Amino acid sequence: MNRGVARSDRRGVALFTALWLVVAIGVVGLQFSLEARERRLASANTVEIAQSRAAAMAGVEHAQARLERLARQPVLEAGQLSARAGDSWLDADTLVRIDGDVGGARYEVRVRETGSALNPNRATEDQLRMLFTRLEFDYGLADQLAQSIMDWRDSDVMHRGRGAERDQYVAAKRMMLPRDGPLQDPAELLHVMHMTPEIYDSIAPFLILEGNGQVNVNSAPPAVLATVPGISDAAVAGVMRARGAGRRITNIAELRGLIGGPANALTTRSVSFEARSVLVTSTGWNQGGRSPFRIEAVISRSGPTSTMVTSRRSR
């Protein structure tokens, strides 16, 4: 009787061991399966990103070819002869809007002239303040924002009277501290003291980080024109009237004459009269529409009909 019980116990142990062995083999197999799946997904994701990146690159090249063609063949429609004949890139933002595809992947290209917006990394405190007031923000708030932006981007730790440096951000328990250097993205301004999402949304269309800081008087909107030293509200109105009549301002003397008064602050360092560079934003998607890849490239004129990519960054 005891032998039968012992044999039964041994069978039970053997069965239990076998069950655990089956479970262990299953767990190991599942682990291998999950790792293989992760590797397949990683490989597929790498391929998708490569496809999207290639499409975005194709968009940049397409835009460059379109810009060179515009330079060779200036548009001469009625009412635009005097303006467009002198600057074939004057309306590049509307003439170089491209939606294309390459190898089954798609890309979307949008272009913006660098001189049509204000560069917050190069703007003076007065220019920043003027932009805010021109957009109808209270002068006191405009002053605080302008000084805070200057403190955010300068390298010292001395805050302006109405600005803010690192210690104020720490005291306010802010997640982001001042960069103490040039902005890397316009959206970084969202973290500047006194800035709100609503204020940022109002100024974002008028800002650009690329370009040499010159404002193109033939393409910049009134809010940006008003930031140019020496240009009053009346002068902005005069420039807009001339542009509305299809007239293109070609030099500093003509601009001073249009203003109709002393404008000693006006210099060629602050204004330009021709689109010399544009920011090309090209976004590519793979066939499934996943893993978008964006490239921002600055394309500048290197001759009458030739161009060159002067900077490029991916996002």
C-alpha atoms as a PDB file:
ATOM      1  CA  MET A   1       0.000   0.000   0.000  1.00  0.00           C
ATOM      2  CA  ASN A   2       2.802   2.375   0.856  1.00  0.00           C
ATOM      3  CA  ARG A   3       4.512   1.483  -2.412  1.00  0.00           C
ATOM      4  CA  GLY A   4       1.382   2.508  -4.345  1.00  0.00           C
ATOM      5  CA  VAL A   5       1.185   5.803  -2.535  1.00  0.00           C
ATOM      6  CA  ALA A   6       4.881   6.450  -3.258  1.00  0.00           C
ATOM      7  CA  ARG A   7       4.412   5.631  -6.941  1.00  0.00           C
ATOM      8  CA  SER A   8       1.416   7.972  -7.070  1.00  0.00           C
ATOM      9  CA  ASP A   9       3.422  10.741  -5.414  1.00  0.00           C
ATOM     10  CA  ARG A  10       6.228  10.269  -7.909  1.00  0.00           C
ATOM     11  CA  ARG A  11       3.768  10.456 -10.793  1.00  0.00           C
ATOM     12  CA  GLY A  12       2.310  13.650  -9.323  1.00  0.00           C
ATOM     13  CA  VAL A  13       5.754  15.237  -9.002  1.00  0.00           C
ATOM     14  CA  ALA A  14       6.633  14.209 -12.541  1.00  0.00           C
ATOM     15  CA  LEU A  15       3.367  15.661 -13.882  1.00  0.00           C
ATOM     16  CA  PHE A  16       3.889  18.900 -11.944  1.00  0.00           C
ATOM     17  CA  THR A  17       7.453  19.139 -13.259  1.00  0.00           C
ATOM     18  CA  ALA A  18       6.279  18.498 -16.805  1.00  0.00           C
ATOM     19  CA  LEU A  19       3.621  21.195 -16.508  1.00  0.00           C
ATOM     20  CA  TRP A  20       6.168  23.711 -15.244  1.00  0.00           C
ATOM     21  CA  LEU A  21       8.498  22.740 -18.086  1.00  0.00           C
ATOM     22  CA  VAL A  22       5.749  23.346 -20.619  1.00  0.00           C
ATOM     23  CA  VAL A  23       4.976  26.724 -19.006  1.00  0.00           C
ATOM     24  CA  ALA A  24       8.675  27.688 -18.993  1.00  0.00           C
ATOM     25  CA  ILE A  25       9.060  26.716 -22.655  1.00  0.00           C
ATOM     26  CA  GLY A  26       5.962  28.745 -23.455  1.00  0.00           C
ATOM     27  CA  VAL A  27       7.275  31.774 -21.581  1.00  0.00           C
ATOM     28  CA  VAL A  28      10.636  31.546 -23.347  1.00  0.00           C
ATOM     29  CA  GLY A  29       8.903  31.167 -26.700  1.00  0.00           C
ATOM     30  CA  LEU A  30       6.666  34.154 -25.967  1.00  0.00           C
ATOM     31  CA  GLN A  31       9.694  36.216 -25.007  1.00  0.00           C
ATOM     32  CA  PHE A  32      11.449  35.350 -28.257  1.00  0.00           C
ATOM     33  CA  SER A  33       8.244  36.149 -30.167  1.00  0.00           C
ATOM     34  CA  LEU A  34       7.893  39.556 -28.471  1.00  0.00           C
ATOM     35  CA  GLU A  35      11.540  40.412 -29.115  1.00  0.00           C
ATOM     36  CA  ALA A  36      11.200  39.389 -32.748  1.00  0.00           C
ATOM     37  CA  ARG A  37       8.065  41.521 -33.052  1.00  0.00           C
ATOM     38  CA  GLU A  38       9.858  44.512 -31.526  1.00  0.00           C
ATOM     39  CA  ARG A  39      12.724  44.051 -33.961  1.00  0.00           C
ATOM     40  CA  ARG A  40      10.299  43.857 -36.884  1.00  0.00           C
ATOM     41  CA  LEU A  41       8.495  47.003 -35.702  1.00  0.00           C
ATOM     42  CA  ALA A  42      11.792  48.832 -35.194  1.00  0.00           C
ATOM     43  CA  SER A  43      12.929  47.838 -38.678  1.00  0.00           C
ATOM     44  CA  ALA A  44       9.607  48.882 -40.190  1.00  0.00           C
ATOM     45  CA  ASN A  45       9.744  52.212 -38.339  1.00  0.00           C
ATOM     46  CA  THR A  46      13.297  52.825 -39.576  1.00  0.00           C
ATOM     47  CA  VAL A  47      12.174  52.160 -43.145  1.00  0.00           C
ATOM     48  CA  GLU A  48       9.151  54.476 -42.755  1.00  0.00           C
ATOM     49  CA  ILE A  49      11.301  57.297 -41.391  1.00  0.00           C
ATOM     50  CA  ALA A  50      13.806  56.813 -44.219  1.00  0.00           C
ATOM     51  CA  GLN A  51      10.976  57.011 -46.765  1.00  0.00           C
ATOM     52  CA  SER A  52       9.551  60.143 -45.139  1.00  0.00           C
ATOM     53  CA  ARG A  53      12.989  61.748 -44.967  1.00  0.00           C
ATOM     54  CA  ALA A  54      13.646  60.996 -48.639  1.00  0.00           C
ATOM     55  CA  ALA A  55      10.287  62.538 -49.552  1.00  0.00           C
ATOM     56  CA  ALA A  56      11.052  65.663 -47.498  1.00  0.00           C
ATOM     57  CA  MET A  57      14.451  65.984 -49.193  1.00  0.00           C
ATOM     58  CA  ALA A  58      12.761  65.656 -52.583  1.00  0.00           C
ATOM     59  CA  GLY A  59      10.445  68.509 -51.573  1.00  0.00           C
ATOM     60  CA  VAL A  60      13.424  70.776 -50.794  1.00  0.00           C
ATOM     61  CA  GLU A  61      15.004  69.968 -54.167  1.00  0.00           C
ATOM     62  CA  HIS A  62      11.671  70.558 -55.927  1.00  0.00           C
ATOM     63  CA  ALA A  63      11.353  73.959 -54.232  1.00  0.00           C
ATOM     64  CA  GLN A  64      14.915  74.890 -55.193  1.00  0.00           C
ATOM     65  CA  ALA A  65      14.220  74.001 -58.814  1.00  0.00           C
ATOM     66  CA  ARG A  66      10.997  76.048 -58.751  1.00  0.00           C
ATOM     67  CA  LEU A  67      12.792  79.053 -57.267  1.00  0.00           C
ATOM     68  CA  GLU A  68      15.510  78.884 -59.918  1.00  0.00           C
ATOM     69  CA  ARG A  69      12.860  78.703 -62.629  1.00  0.00           C
ATOM     70  CA  LEU A  70      11.155  81.769 -61.184  1.00  0.00           C
ATOM     71  CA  ALA A  71      14.476  83.623 -61.254  1.00  0.00           C
ATOM     72  CA  ARG A  72      14.904  82.764 -64.937  1.00  0.00           C
ATOM     73  CA  GLN A  73      11.332  83.549 -65.921  1.00  0.00           C
ATOM     74  CA  PRO A  74       9.952  86.566 -64.054  1.00  0.00           C
ATOM     75  CA  VAL A  75       6.166  86.811 -64.172  1.00  0.00           C
ATOM     76  CA  LEU A  76       4.810  89.769 -66.132  1.00  0.00           C
ATOM     77  CA  GLU A  77       1.066  89.812 -65.410  1.00  0.00           C
ATOM     78  CA  ALA A  78      -0.772  93.079 -65.738  1.00  0.00           C
ATOM     79  CA  GLY A  79      -0.627  95.171 -62.592  1.00  0.00           C
ATOM     80  CA  GLN A  80       2.471  93.365 -61.348  1.00  0.00           C
ATOM     81  CA  LEU A  81       4.964  94.321 -64.037  1.00  0.00           C
ATOM     82  CA  SER A  82       6.929  96.919 -62.079  1.00  0.00           C
ATOM     83  CA  ALA A  83       7.072  94.848 -58.891  1.00  0.00           C
ATOM     84  CA  ARG A  84       7.498  91.251 -60.057  1.00  0.00           C
ATOM     85  CA  ALA A  85       9.783  92.068 -62.991  1.00  0.00           C
ATOM     86  CA  GLY A  86      12.258  93.515 -60.524  1.00  0.00           C
ATOM     87  CA  ASP A  87      11.982  90.701 -57.982  1.00  0.00           C
ATOM     88  CA  SER A  88      10.857  87.302 -59.235  1.00  0.00           C
ATOM     89  CA  TRP A  89      10.774  85.928 -55.664  1.00  0.00           C
ATOM     90  CA  LEU A  90       8.437  88.646 -54.418  1.00  0.00           C
ATOM     91  CA  ASP A  91       5.488  86.232 -54.106  1.00  0.00           C
ATOM     92  CA  ALA A  92       7.464  83.053 -53.466  1.00  0.00           C
ATOM     93  CA  ASP A  93       5.230  82.131 -50.538  1.00  0.00           C
ATOM     94  CA  THR A  94       2.277  81.656 -52.905  1.00  0.00           C
ATOM     95  CA  LEU A  95       4.147  80.624 -56.067  1.00  0.00           C
ATOM     96  CA  VAL A  96       6.121  77.828 -54.392  1.00  0.00           C
ATOM     97  CA  ARG A  97       3.383  75.880 -52.625  1.00  0.00           C
ATOM     98  CA  ILE A  98       4.022  72.296 -53.660  1.00  0.00           C
ATOM     99  CA  ASP A  99       2.239  69.012 -52.978  1.00  0.00           C
ATOM    100  CA  GLY A 100       4.045  66.141 -54.662  1.00  0.00           C
ATOM    101  CA  ASP A 101       5.035  62.510 -54.380  1.00  0.00           C
ATOM    102  CA  VAL A 102       8.142  60.432 -54.988  1.00  0.00           C
ATOM    103  CA  GLY A 103       8.349  56.633 -54.897  1.00  0.00           C
ATOM    104  CA  GLY A 104       4.869  56.402 -53.387  1.00  0.00           C
ATOM    105  CA  ALA A 105       5.698  58.778 -50.518  1.00  0.00           C
ATOM    106  CA  ARG A 106       4.223  62.284 -50.415  1.00  0.00           C
ATOM    107  CA  TYR A 107       5.647  65.690 -49.536  1.00  0.00           C
ATOM    108  CA  GLU A 108       4.267  69.140 -48.844  1.00  0.00           C
ATOM    109  CA  VAL A 109       6.371  72.270 -49.318  1.00  0.00           C
ATOM    110  CA  ARG A 110       5.704  75.745 -47.982  1.00  0.00           C
ATOM    111  CA  VAL A 111       7.983  78.751 -48.503  1.00  0.00           C
ATOM    112  CA  ARG A 112       8.432  81.965 -46.560  1.00  0.00           C
ATOM    113  CA  GLU A 113      10.675  84.886 -47.392  1.00  0.00           C
ATOM    114  CA  THR A 114      13.024  85.601 -44.497  1.00  0.00           C
ATOM    115  CA  GLY A 115      12.728  89.387 -44.915  1.00  0.00           C
ATOM    116  CA  SER A 116       8.952  89.371 -44.466  1.00  0.00           C
ATOM    117  CA  ALA A 117       9.143  88.731 -40.700  1.00  0.00           C
ATOM    118  CA  LEU A 118      11.067  89.908 -37.646  1.00  0.00           C
ATOM    119  CA  ASN A 119      13.961  87.844 -36.345  1.00  0.00           C
ATOM    120  CA  PRO A 120      13.658  87.857 -32.506  1.00  0.00           C
ATOM    121  CA  ASN A 121      17.312  86.839 -32.185  1.00  0.00           C
ATOM    122  CA  ARG A 122      18.449  89.979 -34.021  1.00  0.00           C
ATOM    123  CA  ALA A 123      15.695  92.441 -33.090  1.00  0.00           C
ATOM    124  CA  THR A 124      16.400  95.234 -30.639  1.00  0.00           C
ATOM    125  CA  GLU A 125      14.341  95.827 -27.529  1.00  0.00           C
ATOM    126  CA  ASP A 126      12.652  98.774 -29.271  1.00  0.00           C
ATOM    127  CA  GLN A 127      11.726  96.602 -32.255  1.00  0.00           C
ATOM    128  CA  LEU A 128      10.210  93.907 -30.073  1.00  0.00           C
ATOM    129  CA  ARG A 129       8.280  96.503 -28.083  1.00  0.00           C
ATOM    130  CA  MET A 130       7.018  98.091 -31.293  1.00  0.00           C
ATOM    131  CA  LEU A 131       5.804  94.742 -32.632  1.00  0.00           C
ATOM    132  CA  PHE A 132       3.721  94.134 -29.519  1.00  0.00           C
ATOM    133  CA  THR A 133       2.250  97.639 -29.473  1.00  0.00           C
ATOM    134  CA  ARG A 134       1.549  97.491 -33.211  1.00  0.00           C
ATOM    135  CA  LEU A 135      -0.451  94.332 -32.535  1.00  0.00           C
ATOM    136  CA  GLU A 136      -2.450  96.412 -30.014  1.00  0.00           C
ATOM    137  CA  PHE A 137      -1.042  95.033 -26.787  1.00  0.00           C
ATOM    138  CA  ASP A 138      -0.910  97.397 -23.813  1.00  0.00           C
ATOM    139  CA  TYR A 139       2.353  99.359 -23.727  1.00  0.00           C
ATOM    140  CA  GLY A 140       3.177  98.205 -20.189  1.00  0.00           C
ATOM    141  CA  LEU A 141       2.790  94.543 -21.161  1.00  0.00           C
ATOM    142  CA  ALA A 142       4.683  95.134 -24.405  1.00  0.00           C
ATOM    143  CA  ASP A 143       7.549  96.654 -22.416  1.00  0.00           C
ATOM    144  CA  GLN A 144       7.654  93.703 -19.989  1.00  0.00           C
ATOM    145  CA  LEU A 145       7.628  91.162 -22.818  1.00  0.00           C
ATOM    146  CA  ALA A 146      10.299  92.959 -24.849  1.00  0.00           C
ATOM    147  CA  GLN A 147      12.651  93.227 -21.860  1.00  0.00           C
ATOM    148  CA  SER A 148      11.988  89.633 -20.806  1.00  0.00           C
ATOM    149  CA  ILE A 149      12.799  88.348 -24.306  1.00  0.00           C
ATOM    150  CA  MET A 150      16.038  90.327 -24.298  1.00  0.00           C
ATOM    151  CA  ASP A 151      16.953  88.881 -20.879  1.00  0.00           C
ATOM    152  CA  TRP A 152      16.080  85.383 -22.104  1.00  0.00           C
ATOM    153  CA  ARG A 153      18.484  85.537 -25.017  1.00  0.00           C
ATOM    154  CA  ASP A 154      21.377  87.615 -23.613  1.00  0.00           C
ATOM    155  CA  SER A 155      24.309  85.893 -21.906  1.00  0.00           C
ATOM    156  CA  ASP A 156      24.496  87.987 -18.735  1.00  0.00           C
ATOM    157  CA  VAL A 157      22.629  87.513 -15.428  1.00  0.00           C
ATOM    158  CA  MET A 158      21.649  91.165 -14.931  1.00  0.00           C
ATOM    159  CA  HIS A 159      17.946  91.556 -15.556  1.00  0.00           C
ATOM    160  CA  ARG A 160      16.455  94.665 -17.084  1.00  0.00           C
ATOM    161  CA  GLY A 161      14.122  96.843 -15.023  1.00  0.00           C
ATOM    162  CA  ARG A 162      11.010  95.008 -16.200  1.00  0.00           C
ATOM    163  CA  GLY A 163      12.675  91.864 -17.512  1.00  0.00           C
ATOM    164  CA  ALA A 164      13.502  88.553 -15.844  1.00  0.00           C
ATOM    165  CA  GLU A 165      16.603  86.420 -15.428  1.00  0.00           C
ATOM    166  CA  ARG A 166      17.206  82.912 -14.114  1.00  0.00           C
ATOM    167  CA  ASP A 167      16.576  83.747 -10.435  1.00  0.00           C
ATOM    168  CA  GLN A 168      13.076  85.051 -11.171  1.00  0.00           C
ATOM    169  CA  TYR A 169      12.221  81.895 -13.123  1.00  0.00           C
ATOM    170  CA  VAL A 170      13.486  79.711 -10.288  1.00  0.00           C
ATOM    171  CA  ALA A 171      11.455  81.703  -7.744  1.00  0.00           C
ATOM    172  CA  ALA A 172       8.369  81.322  -9.957  1.00  0.00           C
ATOM    173  CA  LYS A 173       9.052  77.543 -10.189  1.00  0.00           C
ATOM    174  CA  ARG A 174       9.162  77.638 -13.962  1.00  0.00           C
ATOM    175  CA  MET A 175       9.945  74.394 -15.778  1.00  0.00           C
ATOM    176  CA  MET A 176      12.124  76.176 -18.350  1.00  0.00           C
ATOM    177  CA  LEU A 177      14.933  78.575 -17.457  1.00  0.00           C
ATOM    178  CA  PRO A 178      16.311  81.292 -19.761  1.00  0.00           C
ATOM    179  CA  ARG A 179      18.556  79.965 -22.501  1.00  0.00           C
ATOM    180  CA  ASP A 180      21.011  82.873 -22.160  1.00  0.00           C
ATOM    181  CA  GLY A 181      21.597  82.490 -25.873  1.00  0.00           C
ATOM    182  CA  PRO A 182      19.777  82.703 -29.214  1.00  0.00           C
ATOM    183  CA  LEU A 183      16.341  81.133 -29.496  1.00  0.00           C
ATOM    184  CA  GLN A 184      16.383  77.740 -31.202  1.00  0.00           C
ATOM    185  CA  ASP A 185      12.660  77.693 -32.002  1.00  0.00           C
ATOM    186  CA  PRO A 186      10.052  80.492 -31.980  1.00  0.00           C
ATOM    187  CA  ALA A 187       7.863  78.355 -29.684  1.00  0.00           C
ATOM    188  CA  GLU A 188      10.544  78.781 -27.018  1.00  0.00           C
ATOM    189  CA  LEU A 189       9.021  82.211 -26.428  1.00  0.00           C
ATOM    190  CA  LEU A 190       6.093  80.451 -24.739  1.00  0.00           C
ATOM    191  CA  HIS A 191       8.352  80.005 -21.705  1.00  0.00           C
ATOM    192  CA  VAL A 192       9.355  83.671 -21.467  1.00  0.00           C
ATOM    193  CA  MET A 193       8.062  85.515 -18.399  1.00  0.00           C
ATOM    194  CA  HIS A 194       4.690  87.277 -18.983  1.00  0.00           C
ATOM    195  CA  MET A 195       4.111  85.348 -22.251  1.00  0.00           C
ATOM    196  CA  THR A 196       0.815  83.479 -22.693  1.00  0.00           C
ATOM    197  CA  PRO A 197      -0.312  81.068 -25.447  1.00  0.00           C
ATOM    198  CA  GLU A 198      -2.761  83.714 -26.688  1.00  0.00           C
ATOM    199  CA  ILE A 199      -0.047  86.384 -26.985  1.00  0.00           C
ATOM    200  CA  TYR A 200       2.313  83.921 -28.675  1.00  0.00           C
ATOM    201  CA  ASP A 201      -0.348  82.922 -31.215  1.00  0.00           C
ATOM    202  CA  SER A 202      -0.743  86.626 -32.072  1.00  0.00           C
ATOM    203  CA  ILE A 203       2.959  87.286 -32.699  1.00  0.00           C
ATOM    204  CA  ALA A 204       4.082  83.932 -34.159  1.00  0.00           C
ATOM    205  CA  PRO A 205       3.019  84.754 -37.765  1.00  0.00           C
ATOM    206  CA  PHE A 206       5.350  87.775 -37.685  1.00  0.00           C
ATOM    207  CA  LEU A 207       8.482  85.986 -36.416  1.00  0.00           C
ATOM    208  CA  ILE A 208      11.222  84.010 -38.134  1.00  0.00           C
ATOM    209  CA  LEU A 209      14.601  82.834 -36.830  1.00  0.00           C
ATOM    210  CA  GLU A 210      16.319  82.708 -40.206  1.00  0.00           C
ATOM    211  CA  GLY A 211      17.732  85.595 -42.210  1.00  0.00           C
ATOM    212  CA  ASN A 212      20.050  88.491 -41.465  1.00  0.00           C
ATOM    213  CA  GLY A 213      17.479  90.617 -39.653  1.00  0.00           C
ATOM    214  CA  GLN A 214      16.759  92.966 -42.567  1.00  0.00           C
ATOM    215  CA  VAL A 215      13.102  93.723 -43.268  1.00  0.00           C
ATOM    216  CA  ASN A 216      12.015  93.688 -46.915  1.00  0.00           C
ATOM    217  CA  VAL A 217       9.904  96.813 -47.390  1.00  0.00           C
ATOM    218  CA  ASN A 218       8.276  95.278 -50.478  1.00  0.00           C
ATOM    219  CA  SER A 219       6.915  92.180 -48.738  1.00  0.00           C
ATOM    220  CA  ALA A 220       6.777  92.645 -44.955  1.00  0.00           C
ATOM    221  CA  PRO A 221       3.320  93.190 -43.384  1.00  0.00           C
ATOM    222  CA  PRO A 222       2.576  96.529 -41.679  1.00  0.00           C
ATOM    223  CA  ALA A 223       3.254  95.184 -38.161  1.00  0.00           C
ATOM    224  CA  VAL A 224       6.781  94.171 -39.200  1.00  0.00           C
ATOM    225  CA  LEU A 225       7.421  97.341 -41.238  1.00  0.00           C
ATOM    226  CA  ALA A 226       6.571  99.400 -38.155  1.00  0.00           C
ATOM    227  CA  THR A 227       9.505  97.820 -36.269  1.00  0.00           C
ATOM    228  CA  VAL A 228      12.070  99.307 -38.669  1.00  0.00           C
ATOM    229  CA  PRO A 229      13.876 102.258 -37.016  1.00  0.00           C
ATOM    230  CA  GLY A 230      12.902 105.498 -38.732  1.00  0.00           C
ATOM    231  CA  ILE A 231       9.599 104.265 -40.195  1.00  0.00           C
ATOM    232  CA  SER A 232       6.549 105.918 -38.628  1.00  0.00           C
ATOM    233  CA  ASP A 233       2.912 104.845 -38.907  1.00  0.00           C
ATOM    234  CA  ALA A 234       2.447 107.399 -41.696  1.00  0.00           C
ATOM    235  CA  ALA A 235       5.460 105.954 -43.498  1.00  0.00           C
ATOM    236  CA  VAL A 236       4.046 102.436 -43.173  1.00  0.00           C
ATOM    237  CA  ALA A 237       0.811 103.660 -44.708  1.00  0.00           C
ATOM    238  CA  GLY A 238       2.759 105.263 -47.575  1.00  0.00           C
ATOM    239  CA  VAL A 239       4.698 102.068 -48.250  1.00  0.00           C
ATOM    240  CA  MET A 240       1.488 100.021 -48.280  1.00  0.00           C
ATOM    241  CA  ARG A 241      -0.142 102.462 -50.702  1.00  0.00           C
ATOM    242  CA  ALA A 242       2.814 102.180 -53.055  1.00  0.00           C
ATOM    243  CA  ARG A 243       2.705  98.400 -52.881  1.00  0.00           C
ATOM    244  CA  GLY A 244      -1.032  98.401 -53.443  1.00  0.00           C
ATOM    245  CA  ALA A 245      -0.464 100.361 -56.638  1.00  0.00           C
ATOM    246  CA  GLY A 246       2.002  97.720 -57.876  1.00  0.00           C
ATOM    247  CA  ARG A 247       5.026  99.889 -57.209  1.00  0.00           C
ATOM    248  CA  ARG A 248       8.283  98.348 -55.997  1.00  0.00           C
ATOM    249  CA  ILE A 249      10.648 100.422 -53.838  1.00  0.00           C
ATOM    250  CA  THR A 250      14.182  99.830 -55.049  1.00  0.00           C
ATOM    251  CA  ASN A 251      16.577 101.768 -52.798  1.00  0.00           C
ATOM    252  CA  ILE A 252      16.981 103.685 -49.543  1.00  0.00           C
ATOM    253  CA  ALA A 253      16.727 107.104 -51.231  1.00  0.00           C
ATOM    254  CA  GLU A 254      13.376 106.179 -52.756  1.00  0.00           C
ATOM    255  CA  LEU A 255      12.133 104.942 -49.378  1.00  0.00           C
ATOM    256  CA  ARG A 256      13.234 108.160 -47.684  1.00  0.00           C
ATOM    257  CA  GLY A 257      11.481 110.154 -50.380  1.00  0.00           C
ATOM    258  CA  LEU A 258       8.319 108.143 -49.879  1.00  0.00           C
ATOM    259  CA  ILE A 259       8.407 108.837 -46.137  1.00  0.00           C
ATOM    260  CA  GLY A 260       8.571 112.533 -46.916  1.00  0.00           C
ATOM    261  CA  GLY A 261      10.610 113.675 -43.948  1.00  0.00           C
ATOM    262  CA  PRO A 262      13.866 113.158 -42.041  1.00  0.00           C
ATOM    263  CA  ALA A 263      14.680 109.475 -41.714  1.00  0.00           C
ATOM    264  CA  ASN A 264      18.279 109.366 -40.606  1.00  0.00           C
ATOM    265  CA  ALA A 265      17.674 106.116 -38.730  1.00  0.00           C
ATOM    266  CA  LEU A 266      16.888 104.343 -42.000  1.00  0.00           C
ATOM    267  CA  THR A 267      19.898 102.375 -43.229  1.00  0.00           C
ATOM    268  CA  THR A 268      20.538  99.428 -45.502  1.00  0.00           C
ATOM    269  CA  ARG A 269      21.449  97.441 -42.398  1.00  0.00           C
ATOM    270  CA  SER A 270      17.805  97.435 -41.304  1.00  0.00           C
ATOM    271  CA  VAL A 271      15.943  97.167 -44.612  1.00  0.00           C
ATOM    272  CA  SER A 272      16.181  95.341 -47.927  1.00  0.00           C
ATOM    273  CA  PHE A 273      14.346  95.785 -51.214  1.00  0.00           C
ATOM    274  CA  GLU A 274      14.539  92.321 -52.723  1.00  0.00           C
ATOM    275  CA  ALA A 275      13.893  88.752 -51.575  1.00  0.00           C
ATOM    276  CA  ARG A 276      17.358  87.238 -51.296  1.00  0.00           C
ATOM    277  CA  SER A 277      16.580  84.154 -49.211  1.00  0.00           C
ATOM    278  CA  VAL A 278      13.581  82.039 -48.320  1.00  0.00           C
ATOM    279  CA  LEU A 279      12.802  79.469 -45.641  1.00  0.00           C
ATOM    280  CA  VAL A 280      11.591  76.225 -47.210  1.00  0.00           C
ATOM    281  CA  THR A 281       9.635  73.869 -44.946  1.00  0.00           C
ATOM    282  CA  SER A 282       9.214  70.421 -46.505  1.00  0.00           C
ATOM    283  CA  THR A 283       7.249  67.654 -44.759  1.00  0.00           C
ATOM    284  CA  GLY A 284       7.367  64.089 -46.065  1.00  0.00           C
ATOM    285  CA  TRP A 285       5.122  61.095 -45.308  1.00  0.00           C
ATOM    286  CA  ASN A 286       5.513  57.420 -46.127  1.00  0.00           C
ATOM    287  CA  GLN A 287       2.748  55.466 -47.859  1.00  0.00           C
ATOM    288  CA  GLY A 288       0.834  54.796 -44.649  1.00  0.00           C
ATOM    289  CA  GLY A 289       0.922  58.450 -43.637  1.00  0.00           C
ATOM    290  CA  ARG A 290       2.843  57.635 -40.464  1.00  0.00           C
ATOM    291  CA  SER A 291       6.224  58.902 -39.230  1.00  0.00           C
ATOM    292  CA  PRO A 292       6.231  62.374 -40.859  1.00  0.00           C
ATOM    293  CA  PHE A 293       9.655  63.954 -41.316  1.00  0.00           C
ATOM    294  CA  ARG A 294      10.181  67.708 -41.635  1.00  0.00           C
ATOM    295  CA  ILE A 295      13.145  69.564 -43.078  1.00  0.00           C
ATOM    296  CA  GLU A 296      13.645  73.330 -42.864  1.00  0.00           C
ATOM    297  CA  ALA A 297      16.140  74.732 -45.345  1.00  0.00           C
ATOM    298  CA  VAL A 298      17.164  78.283 -46.164  1.00  0.00           C
ATOM    299  CA  ILE A 299      17.672  78.757 -49.891  1.00  0.00           C
ATOM    300  CA  SER A 300      19.508  81.902 -50.970  1.00  0.00           C
ATOM    301  CA  ARG A 301      20.378  83.457 -54.301  1.00  0.00           C
ATOM    302  CA  SER A 302      23.959  82.857 -55.345  1.00  0.00           C
ATOM    303  CA  GLY A 303      23.614  84.541 -58.739  1.00  0.00           C
ATOM    304  CA  PRO A 304      20.996  86.014 -61.071  1.00  0.00           C
ATOM    305  CA  THR A 305      19.427  82.598 -61.752  1.00  0.00           C
ATOM    306  CA  SER A 306      21.229  80.253 -59.353  1.00  0.00           C
ATOM    307  CA  THR A 307      20.556  79.297 -55.748  1.00  0.00           C
ATOM    308  CA  MET A 308      22.232  77.499 -52.888  1.00  0.00           C
ATOM    309  CA  VAL A 309      21.053  75.864 -49.663  1.00  0.00           C
ATOM    310  CA  THR A 310      22.728  77.885 -46.924  1.00  0.00           C
ATOM    311  CA  SER A 311      21.339  75.984 -43.919  1.00  0.00           C
ATOM    312  CA  ARG A 312      19.289  72.890 -43.216  1.00  0.00           C
ATOM    313  CA  ARG A 313      17.835  71.253 -40.116  1.00  0.00           C
ATOM    314  CA  SER A 314      15.534  68.301 -39.516  1.00  0.00           C
ATOM    315  CA  ARG A 315      12.669  67.918 -37.066  1.00  0.00           C
END
